[in-house]
């Protein structure tokens, strides 16, 4: 699940439903990991432009 959160796969919610994840696990692996991914991409983008 962490791999799918860090990669640009749009089917995270379908995968979570198929794996019968709990909502809090989905928040941890889905939302938090995706937020970390966006932060890293934004930071690298900022570094490249400067």
Protein backbone atom coordinates (compact mmCIF):
# COMPACT_ATOMS: atom_id res chain seq x y z
CA UNK A 1 0.00 0.00 0.00
CA UNK A 2 2.86 2.38 0.73
CA UNK A 3 4.27 1.78 -2.75
CA UNK A 4 0.95 2.64 -4.35
CA UNK A 5 0.70 5.79 -2.24
CA UNK A 6 4.14 6.94 -3.30
CA UNK A 7 3.59 6.17 -6.97
CA UNK A 8 1.05 8.01 -9.14
CA UNK A 9 -1.47 5.15 -9.21
CA UNK A 10 -5.02 6.56 -9.06
CA UNK A 11 -6.66 3.35 -7.83
CA UNK A 12 -5.66 3.61 -4.18
CA UNK A 13 -9.20 3.61 -2.81
CA UNK A 14 -10.18 0.58 -4.91
CA UNK A 15 -7.09 -1.27 -3.71
CA UNK A 16 -7.84 -0.34 -0.11
CA UNK A 17 -11.39 -1.64 -0.49
CA UNK A 18 -10.18 -4.87 -2.07
CA UNK A 19 -7.72 -5.41 0.79
CA UNK A 20 -10.44 -4.56 3.34
CA UNK A 21 -8.27 -1.96 5.04
CA UNK A 22 -9.47 -0.12 8.08
CA UNK A 23 -10.13 3.58 7.63
CA UNK A 24 -7.24 4.65 9.89
CA UNK A 25 -4.80 2.43 8.00
CA UNK A 26 -6.04 3.98 4.78
CA UNK A 27 -5.43 7.46 6.19
CA UNK A 28 -1.94 6.50 7.31
CA UNK A 29 -0.81 4.79 4.14
CA UNK A 30 -2.89 6.73 1.66
CA UNK A 31 -3.13 10.33 2.71
CA UNK A 32 0.02 10.67 4.82
CA UNK A 33 2.32 8.92 2.37
CA UNK A 34 0.87 10.83 -0.56
CA UNK A 35 1.42 14.09 1.34
CA UNK A 36 5.04 13.10 1.90
CA UNK A 37 5.41 12.33 -1.81
CA UNK A 38 4.01 15.71 -2.83
CA UNK A 39 6.28 17.47 -0.33
CA UNK A 40 9.37 15.69 -1.68
CA UNK A 41 8.45 16.48 -5.28
CA UNK A 42 7.79 20.13 -4.42
CA UNK A 43 11.10 20.36 -2.54
CA UNK A 44 13.04 18.83 -5.43
CA UNK A 45 11.26 21.14 -7.88
CA UNK A 46 12.21 24.10 -5.69
CA UNK A 47 15.86 22.97 -5.50
CA UNK A 48 16.06 22.51 -9.28
CA UNK A 49 14.65 25.99 -9.96
CA UNK A 50 17.01 27.70 -7.53
